[in-house]
Amino acid sequence: MSSYVDVRHVPKPWGHETIWAHTDRYVGKILHIKAGHALSVQYHERKDETVYLLQGEMKYWVQRPGEPELQDQALVAGQSFHITPGTIHYLEAVTDCDVLEASTPELDDVVRIKDRYGREGTSAP
């Protein structure tokens, strides 16, 4: 049934996320990443996502299949990048950044390889 949606604000060590849509088919988020902070080096087993840099300057590190290491994809405001399951990636803010994320609904599908905040191997917030 069509209705208003509860918007959730989730504090993170790198800033916060605002989950403004969460259904059994998709999730919509805004990630606010503070300058100098980064998300975990991670991949997803099932989750498929696309990010759109609304504002700010960031490095978007991605290891594509067959590549030996992560490469900065040089995402600038107004650009999007699609991440398929199994792709290692992370976001690093040069300035404060706001990022839109649209994904499949598996919010806990995060395999953390490396994390500045001690959360390796978990999918806890």
PDB file of N, CA and C in Angstrom:
ATOM      1  N   MET A   1       0.839  -1.167   0.000  1.00  0.00           N
ATOM      2  CA  MET A   1       0.000   0.000   0.000  1.00  0.00           C
ATOM      3  C   MET A   1       0.898   1.248   0.000  1.00  0.00           C
ATOM      4  N   SER A   2       0.529   2.229  -0.749  1.00  0.00           N
ATOM      5  CA  SER A   2       1.280   3.479  -0.805  1.00  0.00           C
ATOM      6  C   SER A   2       1.137   4.227   0.504  1.00  0.00           C
ATOM      7  N   SER A   3       2.262   4.781   0.998  1.00  0.00           N
ATOM      8  CA  SER A   3       2.220   5.493   2.275  1.00  0.00           C
ATOM      9  C   SER A   3       3.524   6.249   2.495  1.00  0.00           C
ATOM     10  N   TYR A   4       3.528   7.074   3.546  1.00  0.00           N
ATOM     11  CA  TYR A   4       4.769   7.697   3.978  1.00  0.00           C
ATOM     12  C   TYR A   4       5.712   6.607   4.471  1.00  0.00           C
ATOM     13  N   VAL A   5       6.992   6.895   4.449  1.00  0.00           N
ATOM     14  CA  VAL A   5       8.014   5.924   4.834  1.00  0.00           C
ATOM     15  C   VAL A   5       8.790   6.471   6.023  1.00  0.00           C
ATOM     16  N   ASP A   6       9.091   5.614   6.992  1.00  0.00           N
ATOM     17  CA  ASP A   6       9.973   6.023   8.087  1.00  0.00           C
ATOM     18  C   ASP A   6      11.394   6.168   7.547  1.00  0.00           C
ATOM     19  N   VAL A   7      11.983   7.315   7.787  1.00  0.00           N
ATOM     20  CA  VAL A   7      13.353   7.576   7.360  1.00  0.00           C
ATOM     21  C   VAL A   7      14.264   7.291   8.544  1.00  0.00           C
ATOM     22  N   ARG A   8      15.290   6.477   8.326  1.00  0.00           N
ATOM     23  CA  ARG A   8      16.220   6.110   9.404  1.00  0.00           C
ATOM     24  C   ARG A   8      17.561   6.803   9.207  1.00  0.00           C
ATOM     25  N   HIS A   9      18.080   7.367  10.289  1.00  0.00           N
ATOM     26  CA  HIS A   9      19.418   7.961  10.299  1.00  0.00           C
ATOM     27  C   HIS A   9      20.308   7.028  11.109  1.00  0.00           C
ATOM     28  N   VAL A  10      21.362   6.527  10.481  1.00  0.00           N
ATOM     29  CA  VAL A  10      22.234   5.545  11.105  1.00  0.00           C
ATOM     30  C   VAL A  10      23.636   6.141  11.264  1.00  0.00           C
ATOM     31  N   PRO A  11      24.077   6.393  12.514  1.00  0.00           N
ATOM     32  CA  PRO A  11      25.434   6.917  12.718  1.00  0.00           C
ATOM     33  C   PRO A  11      26.468   5.875  12.298  1.00  0.00           C
ATOM     34  N   LYS A  12      27.540   6.330  11.690  1.00  0.00           N
ATOM     35  CA  LYS A  12      28.652   5.480  11.268  1.00  0.00           C
ATOM     36  C   LYS A  12      29.945   6.158  11.713  1.00  0.00           C
ATOM     37  N   PRO A  13      31.029   5.404  11.864  1.00  0.00           N
ATOM     38  CA  PRO A  13      32.284   6.047  12.278  1.00  0.00           C
ATOM     39  C   PRO A  13      32.822   7.031  11.235  1.00  0.00           C
ATOM     40  N   TRP A  14      32.395   6.910   9.998  1.00  0.00           N
ATOM     41  CA  TRP A  14      32.848   7.784   8.916  1.00  0.00           C
ATOM     42  C   TRP A  14      31.873   8.928   8.635  1.00  0.00           C
ATOM     43  N   GLY A  15      30.744   8.965   9.325  1.00  0.00           N
ATOM     44  CA  GLY A  15      29.713   9.984   9.089  1.00  0.00           C
ATOM     45  C   GLY A  15      28.358   9.416   9.462  1.00  0.00           C
ATOM     46  N   HIS A  16      27.434   9.358   8.498  1.00  0.00           N
ATOM     47  CA  HIS A  16      26.139   8.742   8.748  1.00  0.00           C
ATOM     48  C   HIS A  16      25.471   8.372   7.430  1.00  0.00           C
ATOM     49  N   GLU A  17      24.474   7.501   7.536  1.00  0.00           N
ATOM     50  CA  GLU A  17      23.673   7.204   6.365  1.00  0.00           C
ATOM     51  C   GLU A  17      22.211   7.464   6.688  1.00  0.00           C
ATOM     52  N   THR A  18      21.484   7.904   5.693  1.00  0.00           N
ATOM     53  CA  THR A  18      20.059   8.122   5.796  1.00  0.00           C
ATOM     54  C   THR A  18      19.395   7.121   4.859  1.00  0.00           C
ATOM     55  N   ILE A  19      18.642   6.197   5.431  1.00  0.00           N
ATOM     56  CA  ILE A  19      17.927   5.203   4.625  1.00  0.00           C
ATOM     57  C   ILE A  19      16.523   5.757   4.411  1.00  0.00           C
ATOM     58  N   TRP A  20      16.247   6.179   3.194  1.00  0.00           N
ATOM     59  CA  TRP A  20      14.975   6.825   2.896  1.00  0.00           C
ATOM     60  C   TRP A  20      14.001   5.916   2.158  1.00  0.00           C
ATOM     61  N   ALA A  21      14.473   4.724   1.752  1.00  0.00           N
ATOM     62  CA  ALA A  21      13.598   3.730   1.122  1.00  0.00           C
ATOM     63  C   ALA A  21      14.142   2.352   1.446  1.00  0.00           C
ATOM     64  N   HIS A  22      13.259   1.424   1.848  1.00  0.00           N
ATOM     65  CA  HIS A  22      13.681   0.046   2.103  1.00  0.00           C
ATOM     66  C   HIS A  22      12.483  -0.869   1.886  1.00  0.00           C
ATOM     67  N   THR A  23      12.496  -1.560   0.749  1.00  0.00           N
ATOM     68  CA  THR A  23      11.426  -2.503   0.431  1.00  0.00           C
ATOM     69  C   THR A  23      12.048  -3.883   0.228  1.00  0.00           C
ATOM     70  N   ASP A  24      11.235  -4.853  -0.114  1.00  0.00           N
ATOM     71  CA  ASP A  24      11.779  -6.187  -0.387  1.00  0.00           C
ATOM     72  C   ASP A  24      12.461  -6.247  -1.756  1.00  0.00           C
ATOM     73  N   ARG A  25      12.425  -5.150  -2.527  1.00  0.00           N
ATOM     74  CA  ARG A  25      13.032  -5.123  -3.863  1.00  0.00           C
ATOM     75  C   ARG A  25      14.190  -4.150  -4.003  1.00  0.00           C
ATOM     76  N   TYR A  26      14.241  -3.091  -3.184  1.00  0.00           N
ATOM     77  CA  TYR A  26      15.300  -2.086  -3.321  1.00  0.00           C
ATOM     78  C   TYR A  26      15.485  -1.303  -2.030  1.00  0.00           C
ATOM     79  N   VAL A  27      16.645  -0.599  -1.965  1.00  0.00           N
ATOM     80  CA  VAL A  27      16.960   0.299  -0.851  1.00  0.00           C
ATOM     81  C   VAL A  27      17.517   1.588  -1.443  1.00  0.00           C
ATOM     82  N   GLY A  28      17.133   2.721  -0.849  1.00  0.00           N
ATOM     83  CA  GLY A  28      17.689   4.011  -1.225  1.00  0.00           C
ATOM     84  C   GLY A  28      18.343   4.645  -0.009  1.00  0.00           C
ATOM     85  N   LYS A  29      19.587   5.102  -0.158  1.00  0.00           N
ATOM     86  CA  LYS A  29      20.337   5.711   0.949  1.00  0.00           C
ATOM     87  C   LYS A  29      21.023   6.984   0.490  1.00  0.00           C
ATOM     88  N   ILE A  30      21.308   7.822   1.477  1.00  0.00           N
ATOM     89  CA  ILE A  30      22.252   8.927   1.291  1.00  0.00           C
ATOM     90  C   ILE A  30      23.377   8.675   2.280  1.00  0.00           C
ATOM     91  N   LEU A  31      24.603   8.575   1.786  1.00  0.00           N
ATOM     92  CA  LEU A  31      25.774   8.407   2.639  1.00  0.00           C
ATOM     93  C   LEU A  31      26.441   9.764   2.793  1.00  0.00           C
ATOM     94  N   HIS A  32      26.621  10.212   4.025  1.00  0.00           N
ATOM     95  CA  HIS A  32      27.376  11.437   4.275  1.00  0.00           C
ATOM     96  C   HIS A  32      28.714  10.994   4.863  1.00  0.00           C
ATOM     97  N   ILE A  33      29.781  11.224   4.098  1.00  0.00           N
ATOM     98  CA  ILE A  33      31.118  10.787   4.498  1.00  0.00           C
ATOM     99  C   ILE A  33      31.943  12.030   4.821  1.00  0.00           C
ATOM    100  N   LYS A  34      32.471  12.071   6.027  1.00  0.00           N
ATOM    101  CA  LYS A  34      33.254  13.223   6.462  1.00  0.00           C
ATOM    102  C   LYS A  34      34.628  13.220   5.792  1.00  0.00           C
ATOM    103  N   ALA A  35      35.137  14.415   5.518  1.00  0.00           N
ATOM    104  CA  ALA A  35      36.450  14.575   4.890  1.00  0.00           C
ATOM    105  C   ALA A  35      37.508  13.772   5.649  1.00  0.00           C
ATOM    106  N   GLY A  36      38.343  13.053   4.915  1.00  0.00           N
ATOM    107  CA  GLY A  36      39.409  12.275   5.518  1.00  0.00           C
ATOM    108  C   GLY A  36      38.993  10.898   5.994  1.00  0.00           C
ATOM    109  N   HIS A  37      37.712  10.559   5.879  1.00  0.00           N
ATOM    110  CA  HIS A  37      37.220   9.262   6.336  1.00  0.00           C
ATOM    111  C   HIS A  37      36.940   8.359   5.138  1.00  0.00           C
ATOM    112  N   ALA A  38      36.815   7.056   5.419  1.00  0.00           N
ATOM    113  CA  ALA A  38      36.569   6.079   4.355  1.00  0.00           C
ATOM    114  C   ALA A  38      35.690   4.946   4.871  1.00  0.00           C
ATOM    115  N   LEU A  39      34.925   4.364   3.962  1.00  0.00           N
ATOM    116  CA  LEU A  39      34.171   3.162   4.275  1.00  0.00           C
ATOM    117  C   LEU A  39      35.119   1.971   4.251  1.00  0.00           C
ATOM    118  N   SER A  40      34.661   0.827   4.668  1.00  0.00           N
ATOM    119  CA  SER A  40      35.458  -0.394   4.664  1.00  0.00           C
ATOM    120  C   SER A  40      35.838  -0.797   3.247  1.00  0.00           C
ATOM    121  N   VAL A  41      37.004  -1.435   3.120  1.00  0.00           N
ATOM    122  CA  VAL A  41      37.331  -2.145   1.892  1.00  0.00           C
ATOM    123  C   VAL A  41      36.456  -3.398   1.969  1.00  0.00           C
ATOM    124  N   GLN A  42      35.552  -3.575   1.003  1.00  0.00           N
ATOM    125  CA  GLN A  42      34.498  -4.569   1.142  1.00  0.00           C
ATOM    126  C   GLN A  42      34.053  -5.121  -0.194  1.00  0.00           C
ATOM    127  N   TYR A  43      33.246  -6.173  -0.093  1.00  0.00           N
ATOM    128  CA  TYR A  43      32.501  -6.664  -1.246  1.00  0.00           C
ATOM    129  C   TYR A  43      31.193  -7.248  -0.734  1.00  0.00           C
ATOM    130  N   HIS A  44      30.294  -7.529  -1.650  1.00  0.00           N
ATOM    131  CA  HIS A  44      28.989  -8.087  -1.317  1.00  0.00           C
ATOM    132  C   HIS A  44      28.826  -9.413  -2.052  1.00  0.00           C
ATOM    133  N   GLU A  45      28.219 -10.368  -1.388  1.00  0.00           N
ATOM    134  CA  GLU A  45      27.974 -11.663  -2.029  1.00  0.00           C
ATOM    135  C   GLU A  45      26.735 -11.632  -2.914  1.00  0.00           C
ATOM    136  N   ARG A  46      25.697 -10.880  -2.520  1.00  0.00           N
ATOM    137  CA  ARG A  46      24.445 -10.808  -3.279  1.00  0.00           C
ATOM    138  C   ARG A  46      24.066  -9.386  -3.669  1.00  0.00           C
ATOM    139  N   LYS A  47      24.395  -8.438  -2.831  1.00  0.00           N
ATOM    140  CA  LYS A  47      23.947  -7.054  -3.019  1.00  0.00           C
ATOM    141  C   LYS A  47      24.542  -6.448  -4.288  1.00  0.00           C
ATOM    142  N   ASP A  48      23.686  -5.811  -5.059  1.00  0.00           N
ATOM    143  CA  ASP A  48      24.058  -5.103  -6.279  1.00  0.00           C
ATOM    144  C   ASP A  48      23.745  -3.634  -6.025  1.00  0.00           C
ATOM    145  N   GLU A  49      24.664  -2.730  -6.310  1.00  0.00           N
ATOM    146  CA  GLU A  49      24.428  -1.324  -5.971  1.00  0.00           C
ATOM    147  C   GLU A  49      24.981  -0.379  -7.021  1.00  0.00           C
ATOM    148  N   THR A  50      24.402   0.807  -7.043  1.00  0.00           N
ATOM    149  CA  THR A  50      24.899   1.904  -7.872  1.00  0.00           C
ATOM    150  C   THR A  50      24.986   3.131  -6.980  1.00  0.00           C
ATOM    151  N   VAL A  51      26.115   3.835  -7.072  1.00  0.00           N
ATOM    152  CA  VAL A  51      26.281   5.062  -6.294  1.00  0.00           C
ATOM    153  C   VAL A  51      26.329   6.254  -7.243  1.00  0.00           C
ATOM    154  N   TYR A  52      25.905   7.402  -6.714  1.00  0.00           N
ATOM    155  CA  TYR A  52      25.897   8.664  -7.454  1.00  0.00           C
ATOM    156  C   TYR A  52      26.457   9.720  -6.521  1.00  0.00           C
ATOM    157  N   LEU A  53      27.547  10.366  -6.914  1.00  0.00           N
ATOM    158  CA  LEU A  53      28.150  11.403  -6.075  1.00  0.00           C
ATOM    159  C   LEU A  53      27.374  12.698  -6.265  1.00  0.00           C
ATOM    160  N   LEU A  54      26.631  13.080  -5.214  1.00  0.00           N
ATOM    161  CA  LEU A  54      25.849  14.316  -5.249  1.00  0.00           C
ATOM    162  C   LEU A  54      26.744  15.541  -5.138  1.00  0.00           C
ATOM    163  N   GLN A  55      27.626  15.512  -4.130  1.00  0.00           N
ATOM    164  CA  GLN A  55      28.512  16.652  -3.924  1.00  0.00           C
ATOM    165  C   GLN A  55      29.749  16.215  -3.168  1.00  0.00           C
ATOM    166  N   GLY A  56      30.820  16.978  -3.352  1.00  0.00           N
ATOM    167  CA  GLY A  56      32.071  16.702  -2.674  1.00  0.00           C
ATOM    168  C   GLY A  56      33.100  16.106  -3.615  1.00  0.00           C
ATOM    169  N   GLU A  57      34.254  15.820  -3.037  1.00  0.00           N
ATOM    170  CA  GLU A  57      35.354  15.219  -3.788  1.00  0.00           C
ATOM    171  C   GLU A  57      35.742  13.932  -3.082  1.00  0.00           C
ATOM    172  N   MET A  58      35.777  12.858  -3.840  1.00  0.00           N
ATOM    173  CA  MET A  58      36.088  11.569  -3.235  1.00  0.00           C
ATOM    174  C   MET A  58      36.940  10.722  -4.163  1.00  0.00           C
ATOM    175  N   LYS A  59      37.532   9.701  -3.568  1.00  0.00           N
ATOM    176  CA  LYS A  59      38.211   8.657  -4.328  1.00  0.00           C
ATOM    177  C   LYS A  59      37.329   7.428  -4.210  1.00  0.00           C
ATOM    178  N   TYR A  60      37.052   6.804  -5.333  1.00  0.00           N
ATOM    179  CA  TYR A  60      36.215   5.599  -5.353  1.00  0.00           C
ATOM    180  C   TYR A  60      37.081   4.455  -5.844  1.00  0.00           C
ATOM    181  N   TRP A  61      37.525   3.654  -4.896  1.00  0.00           N
ATOM    182  CA  TRP A  61      38.473   2.584  -5.174  1.00  0.00           C
ATOM    183  C   TRP A  61      37.733   1.307  -5.542  1.00  0.00           C
ATOM    184  N   VAL A  62      38.091   0.710  -6.680  1.00  0.00           N
ATOM    185  CA  VAL A  62      37.430  -0.487  -7.174  1.00  0.00           C
ATOM    186  C   VAL A  62      38.475  -1.448  -7.726  1.00  0.00           C
ATOM    187  N   GLN A  63      38.328  -2.725  -7.398  1.00  0.00           N
ATOM    188  CA  GLN A  63      39.170  -3.762  -7.995  1.00  0.00           C
ATOM    189  C   GLN A  63      38.289  -4.574  -8.933  1.00  0.00           C
ATOM    190  N   ARG A  64      38.432  -4.310 -10.211  1.00  0.00           N
ATOM    191  CA  ARG A  64      37.625  -5.014 -11.212  1.00  0.00           C
ATOM    192  C   ARG A  64      38.189  -6.416 -11.430  1.00  0.00           C
ATOM    193  N   PRO A  65      37.352  -7.340 -11.886  1.00  0.00           N
ATOM    194  CA  PRO A  65      37.831  -8.706 -12.134  1.00  0.00           C
ATOM    195  C   PRO A  65      39.061  -8.707 -13.053  1.00  0.00           C
ATOM    196  N   GLY A  66      40.048  -9.481 -12.656  1.00  0.00           N
ATOM    197  CA  GLY A  66      41.276  -9.580 -13.439  1.00  0.00           C
ATOM    198  C   GLY A  66      42.328  -8.542 -13.110  1.00  0.00           C
ATOM    199  N   GLU A  67      41.964  -7.504 -12.351  1.00  0.00           N
ATOM    200  CA  GLU A  67      42.935  -6.483 -11.965  1.00  0.00           C
ATOM    201  C   GLU A  67      43.609  -6.903 -10.665  1.00  0.00           C
ATOM    202  N   PRO A  68      44.919  -6.656 -10.539  1.00  0.00           N
ATOM    203  CA  PRO A  68      45.637  -7.095  -9.342  1.00  0.00           C
ATOM    204  C   PRO A  68      45.403  -6.230  -8.110  1.00  0.00           C
ATOM    205  N   GLU A  69      44.937  -4.998  -8.301  1.00  0.00           N
ATOM    206  CA  GLU A  69      44.753  -4.115  -7.148  1.00  0.00           C
ATOM    207  C   GLU A  69      43.626  -3.127  -7.385  1.00  0.00           C
ATOM    208  N   LEU A  70      43.267  -2.427  -6.321  1.00  0.00           N
ATOM    209  CA  LEU A  70      42.233  -1.400  -6.390  1.00  0.00           C
ATOM    210  C   LEU A  70      42.734  -0.211  -7.198  1.00  0.00           C
ATOM    211  N   GLN A  71      41.846   0.370  -7.998  1.00  0.00           N
ATOM    212  CA  GLN A  71      42.154   1.552  -8.799  1.00  0.00           C
ATOM    213  C   GLN A  71      41.153   2.655  -8.461  1.00  0.00           C
ATOM    214  N   ASP A  72      41.612   3.911  -8.373  1.00  0.00           N
ATOM    215  CA  ASP A  72      40.710   5.038  -8.141  1.00  0.00           C
ATOM    216  C   ASP A  72      39.942   5.313  -9.431  1.00  0.00           C
ATOM    217  N   GLN A  73      38.622   5.248  -9.358  1.00  0.00           N
ATOM    218  CA  GLN A  73      37.783   5.450 -10.540  1.00  0.00           C
ATOM    219  C   GLN A  73      37.472   6.923 -10.807  1.00  0.00           C
ATOM    220  N   ALA A  74      38.030   7.818  -9.989  1.00  0.00           N
ATOM    221  CA  ALA A  74      37.918   9.265 -10.219  1.00  0.00           C
ATOM    222  C   ALA A  74      36.475   9.713 -10.427  1.00  0.00           C
ATOM    223  N   LEU A  75      35.591   9.287  -9.537  1.00  0.00           N
ATOM    224  CA  LEU A  75      34.189   9.685  -9.596  1.00  0.00           C
ATOM    225  C   LEU A  75      34.070  11.147  -9.182  1.00  0.00           C
ATOM    226  N   VAL A  76      33.407  11.947 -10.002  1.00  0.00           N
ATOM    227  CA  VAL A  76      33.197  13.364  -9.681  1.00  0.00           C
ATOM    228  C   VAL A  76      31.701  13.610  -9.518  1.00  0.00           C
ATOM    229  N   ALA A  77      31.355  14.729  -8.887  1.00  0.00           N
ATOM    230  CA  ALA A  77      29.949  15.068  -8.656  1.00  0.00           C
ATOM    231  C   ALA A  77      29.177  14.971  -9.975  1.00  0.00           C
ATOM    232  N   GLY A  78      28.044  14.275  -9.912  1.00  0.00           N
ATOM    233  CA  GLY A  78      27.215  14.098 -11.093  1.00  0.00           C
ATOM    234  C   GLY A  78      27.452  12.780 -11.816  1.00  0.00           C
ATOM    235  N   GLN A  79      28.401  11.975 -11.338  1.00  0.00           N
ATOM    236  CA  GLN A  79      28.672  10.689 -11.970  1.00  0.00           C
ATOM    237  C   GLN A  79      28.200   9.532 -11.096  1.00  0.00           C
ATOM    238  N   SER A  80      27.901   8.406 -11.760  1.00  0.00           N
ATOM    239  CA  SER A  80      27.466   7.185 -11.086  1.00  0.00           C
ATOM    240  C   SER A  80      28.417   6.049 -11.402  1.00  0.00           C
ATOM    241  N   PHE A  81      28.406   5.032 -10.524  1.00  0.00           N
ATOM    242  CA  PHE A  81      29.219   3.829 -10.743  1.00  0.00           C
ATOM    243  C   PHE A  81      28.441   2.635 -10.221  1.00  0.00           C
ATOM    244  N   HIS A  82      28.391   1.569 -11.012  1.00  0.00           N
ATOM    245  CA  HIS A  82      27.653   0.350 -10.673  1.00  0.00           C
ATOM    246  C   HIS A  82      28.624  -0.699 -10.133  1.00  0.00           C
ATOM    247  N   ILE A  83      28.264  -1.299  -8.987  1.00  0.00           N
ATOM    248  CA  ILE A  83      29.077  -2.347  -8.359  1.00  0.00           C
ATOM    249  C   ILE A  83      28.266  -3.638  -8.339  1.00  0.00           C
ATOM    250  N   THR A  84      28.817  -4.669  -8.969  1.00  0.00           N
ATOM    251  CA  THR A  84      28.158  -5.971  -8.985  1.00  0.00           C
ATOM    252  C   THR A  84      28.677  -6.827  -7.832  1.00  0.00           C
ATOM    253  N   PRO A  85      27.919  -7.845  -7.422  1.00  0.00           N
ATOM    254  CA  PRO A  85      28.374  -8.709  -6.331  1.00  0.00           C
ATOM    255  C   PRO A  85      29.779  -9.268  -6.596  1.00  0.00           C
ATOM    256  N   GLY A  86      30.578  -9.335  -5.521  1.00  0.00           N
ATOM    257  CA  GLY A  86      31.931  -9.862  -5.613  1.00  0.00           C
ATOM    258  C   GLY A  86      32.998  -8.832  -5.932  1.00  0.00           C
ATOM    259  N   THR A  87      32.609  -7.608  -6.288  1.00  0.00           N
ATOM    260  CA  THR A  87      33.574  -6.561  -6.641  1.00  0.00           C
ATOM    261  C   THR A  87      34.085  -5.878  -5.372  1.00  0.00           C
ATOM    262  N   ILE A  88      35.392  -5.888  -5.152  1.00  0.00           N
ATOM    263  CA  ILE A  88      35.996  -5.223  -3.992  1.00  0.00           C
ATOM    264  C   ILE A  88      36.010  -3.723  -4.261  1.00  0.00           C
ATOM    265  N   HIS A  89      35.597  -2.944  -3.240  1.00  0.00           N
ATOM    266  CA  HIS A  89      35.495  -1.496  -3.422  1.00  0.00           C
ATOM    267  C   HIS A  89      35.467  -0.777  -2.077  1.00  0.00           C
ATOM    268  N   TYR A  90      35.727   0.545  -2.123  1.00  0.00           N
ATOM    269  CA  TYR A  90      35.483   1.410  -0.969  1.00  0.00           C
ATOM    270  C   TYR A  90      35.482   2.863  -1.405  1.00  0.00           C
ATOM    271  N   LEU A  91      34.853   3.697  -0.587  1.00  0.00           N
ATOM    272  CA  LEU A  91      34.768   5.132  -0.843  1.00  0.00           C
ATOM    273  C   LEU A  91      35.624   5.860   0.175  1.00  0.00           C
ATOM    274  N   GLU A  92      36.351   6.879  -0.272  1.00  0.00           N
ATOM    275  CA  GLU A  92      37.215   7.677   0.591  1.00  0.00           C
ATOM    276  C   GLU A  92      36.965   9.155   0.298  1.00  0.00           C
ATOM    277  N   ALA A  93      36.554   9.906   1.316  1.00  0.00           N
ATOM    278  CA  ALA A  93      36.195  11.316   1.126  1.00  0.00           C
ATOM    279  C   ALA A  93      37.419  12.229   1.231  1.00  0.00           C
ATOM    280  N   VAL A  94      37.640  13.040   0.213  1.00  0.00           N
ATOM    281  CA  VAL A  94      38.669  14.079   0.249  1.00  0.00           C
ATOM    282  C   VAL A  94      38.092  15.300   0.953  1.00  0.00           C
ATOM    283  N   THR A  95      36.856  15.645   0.584  1.00  0.00           N
ATOM    284  CA  THR A  95      36.077  16.681   1.273  1.00  0.00           C
ATOM    285  C   THR A  95      34.817  16.002   1.798  1.00  0.00           C
ATOM    286  N   ASP A  96      34.018  16.696   2.588  1.00  0.00           N
ATOM    287  CA  ASP A  96      32.727  16.123   2.978  1.00  0.00           C
ATOM    288  C   ASP A  96      31.970  15.756   1.702  1.00  0.00           C
ATOM    289  N   CYS A  97      31.383  14.572   1.686  1.00  0.00           N
ATOM    290  CA  CYS A  97      30.685  14.072   0.499  1.00  0.00           C
ATOM    291  C   CYS A  97      29.285  13.594   0.848  1.00  0.00           C
ATOM    292  N   ASP A  98      28.392  13.745  -0.105  1.00  0.00           N
ATOM    293  CA  ASP A  98      27.067  13.149  -0.035  1.00  0.00           C
ATOM    294  C   ASP A  98      26.908  12.257  -1.259  1.00  0.00           C
ATOM    295  N   VAL A  99      26.581  10.988  -1.004  1.00  0.00           N
ATOM    296  CA  VAL A  99      26.508   9.971  -2.046  1.00  0.00           C
ATOM    297  C   VAL A  99      25.130   9.315  -1.992  1.00  0.00           C
ATOM    298  N   LEU A 100      24.443   9.257  -3.113  1.00  0.00           N
ATOM    299  CA  LEU A 100      23.202   8.494  -3.206  1.00  0.00           C
ATOM    300  C   LEU A 100      23.578   7.052  -3.520  1.00  0.00           C
ATOM    301  N   GLU A 101      22.922   6.113  -2.857  1.00  0.00           N
ATOM    302  CA  GLU A 101      23.125   4.704  -3.169  1.00  0.00           C
ATOM    303  C   GLU A 101      21.776   4.054  -3.393  1.00  0.00           C
ATOM    304  N   ALA A 102      21.645   3.380  -4.528  1.00  0.00           N
ATOM    305  CA  ALA A 102      20.469   2.564  -4.818  1.00  0.00           C
ATOM    306  C   ALA A 102      20.961   1.125  -4.905  1.00  0.00           C
ATOM    307  N   SER A 103      20.286   0.213  -4.186  1.00  0.00           N
ATOM    308  CA  SER A 103      20.773  -1.164  -4.161  1.00  0.00           C
ATOM    309  C   SER A 103      19.630  -2.150  -3.992  1.00  0.00           C
ATOM    310  N   THR A 104      19.995  -3.412  -4.136  1.00  0.00           N
ATOM    311  CA  THR A 104      19.098  -4.486  -3.755  1.00  0.00           C
ATOM    312  C   THR A 104      19.012  -4.455  -2.228  1.00  0.00           C
ATOM    313  N   PRO A 105      18.038  -5.130  -1.612  1.00  0.00           N
ATOM    314  CA  PRO A 105      17.738  -4.888  -0.201  1.00  0.00           C
ATOM    315  C   PRO A 105      18.616  -5.577   0.846  1.00  0.00           C
ATOM    316  N   GLU A 106      19.687  -6.242   0.471  1.00  0.00           N
ATOM    317  CA  GLU A 106      20.490  -7.000   1.433  1.00  0.00           C
ATOM    318  C   GLU A 106      21.449  -6.096   2.213  1.00  0.00           C
ATOM    319  N   LEU A 107      20.936  -5.356   3.180  1.00  0.00           N
ATOM    320  CA  LEU A 107      21.746  -4.391   3.925  1.00  0.00           C
ATOM    321  C   LEU A 107      22.873  -5.039   4.725  1.00  0.00           C
ATOM    322  N   ASP A 108      22.683  -6.265   5.188  1.00  0.00           N
ATOM    323  CA  ASP A 108      23.717  -6.921   5.999  1.00  0.00           C
ATOM    324  C   ASP A 108      24.721  -7.708   5.177  1.00  0.00           C
ATOM    325  N   ASP A 109      24.636  -7.653   3.870  1.00  0.00           N
ATOM    326  CA  ASP A 109      25.555  -8.388   3.002  1.00  0.00           C
ATOM    327  C   ASP A 109      26.812  -7.552   2.751  1.00  0.00           C
ATOM    328  N   VAL A 110      27.664  -7.488   3.776  1.00  0.00           N
ATOM    329  CA  VAL A 110      28.917  -6.739   3.682  1.00  0.00           C
ATOM    330  C   VAL A 110      30.039  -7.633   4.209  1.00  0.00           C
ATOM    331  N   VAL A 111      31.006  -7.932   3.359  1.00  0.00           N
ATOM    332  CA  VAL A 111      32.191  -8.673   3.791  1.00  0.00           C
ATOM    333  C   VAL A 111      33.321  -7.655   3.842  1.00  0.00           C
ATOM    334  N   ARG A 112      33.725  -7.312   5.068  1.00  0.00           N
ATOM    335  CA  ARG A 112      34.757  -6.294   5.257  1.00  0.00           C
ATOM    336  C   ARG A 112      36.139  -6.952   5.243  1.00  0.00           C
ATOM    337  N   ILE A 113      36.976  -6.495   4.337  1.00  0.00           N
ATOM    338  CA  ILE A 113      38.339  -7.011   4.205  1.00  0.00           C
ATOM    339  C   ILE A 113      39.288  -6.207   5.081  1.00  0.00           C
ATOM    340  N   LYS A 114      39.070  -4.892   5.114  1.00  0.00           N
ATOM    341  CA  LYS A 114      39.924  -3.977   5.868  1.00  0.00           C
ATOM    342  C   LYS A 114      39.053  -2.814   6.310  1.00  0.00           C
ATOM    343  N   ASP A 115      39.288  -2.334   7.545  1.00  0.00           N
ATOM    344  CA  ASP A 115      38.444  -1.264   8.062  1.00  0.00           C
ATOM    345  C   ASP A 115      39.238  -0.421   9.054  1.00  0.00           C
ATOM    346  N   ARG A 116      39.208   0.884   8.869  1.00  0.00           N
ATOM    347  CA  ARG A 116      39.913   1.814   9.779  1.00  0.00           C
ATOM    348  C   ARG A 116      39.347   1.822  11.171  1.00  0.00           C
ATOM    349  N   TYR A 117      38.138   1.314  11.339  1.00  0.00           N
ATOM    350  CA  TYR A 117      37.423   1.417  12.592  1.00  0.00           C
ATOM    351  C   TYR A 117      37.266   0.066  13.307  1.00  0.00           C
ATOM    352  N   GLY A 118      38.053  -0.939  12.891  1.00  0.00           N
ATOM    353  CA  GLY A 118      38.073  -2.218  13.586  1.00  0.00           C
ATOM    354  C   GLY A 118      36.879  -3.123  13.334  1.00  0.00           C
ATOM    355  N   ARG A 119      36.215  -2.987  12.181  1.00  0.00           N
ATOM    356  CA  ARG A 119      35.020  -3.788  11.928  1.00  0.00           C
ATOM    357  C   ARG A 119      35.247  -4.899  10.892  1.00  0.00           C
ATOM    358  N   GLU A 120      36.493  -5.320  10.668  1.00  0.00           N
ATOM    359  CA  GLU A 120      36.788  -6.329   9.661  1.00  0.00           C
ATOM    360  C   GLU A 120      35.950  -7.593   9.862  1.00  0.00           C
ATOM    361  N   GLY A 121      35.519  -8.162   8.730  1.00  0.00           N
ATOM    362  CA  GLY A 121      34.832  -9.440   8.746  1.00  0.00           C
ATOM    363  C   GLY A 121      33.407  -9.405   9.242  1.00  0.00           C
ATOM    364  N   THR A 122      32.879  -8.258   9.601  1.00  0.00           N
ATOM    365  CA  THR A 122      31.531  -8.198  10.150  1.00  0.00           C
ATOM    366  C   THR A 122      30.599  -7.474   9.195  1.00  0.00           C
ATOM    367  N   SER A 123      29.317  -7.588   9.451  1.00  0.00           N
ATOM    368  CA  SER A 123      28.373  -6.748   8.736  1.00  0.00           C
ATOM    369  C   SER A 123      27.601  -5.900   9.726  1.00  0.00           C
ATOM    370  N   ALA A 124      28.172  -5.699  10.889  1.00  0.00           N
ATOM    371  CA  ALA A 124      27.551  -4.814  11.887  1.00  0.00           C
ATOM    372  C   ALA A 124      27.766  -3.372  11.475  1.00  0.00           C
ATOM    373  N   PRO A 125      26.830  -2.496  11.841  1.00  0.00           N
ATOM    374  CA  PRO A 125      26.967  -1.084  11.469  1.00  0.00           C
ATOM    375  C   PRO A 125      28.183  -0.504  12.112  1.00  0.00           C
TER     376      PRO A 125
END
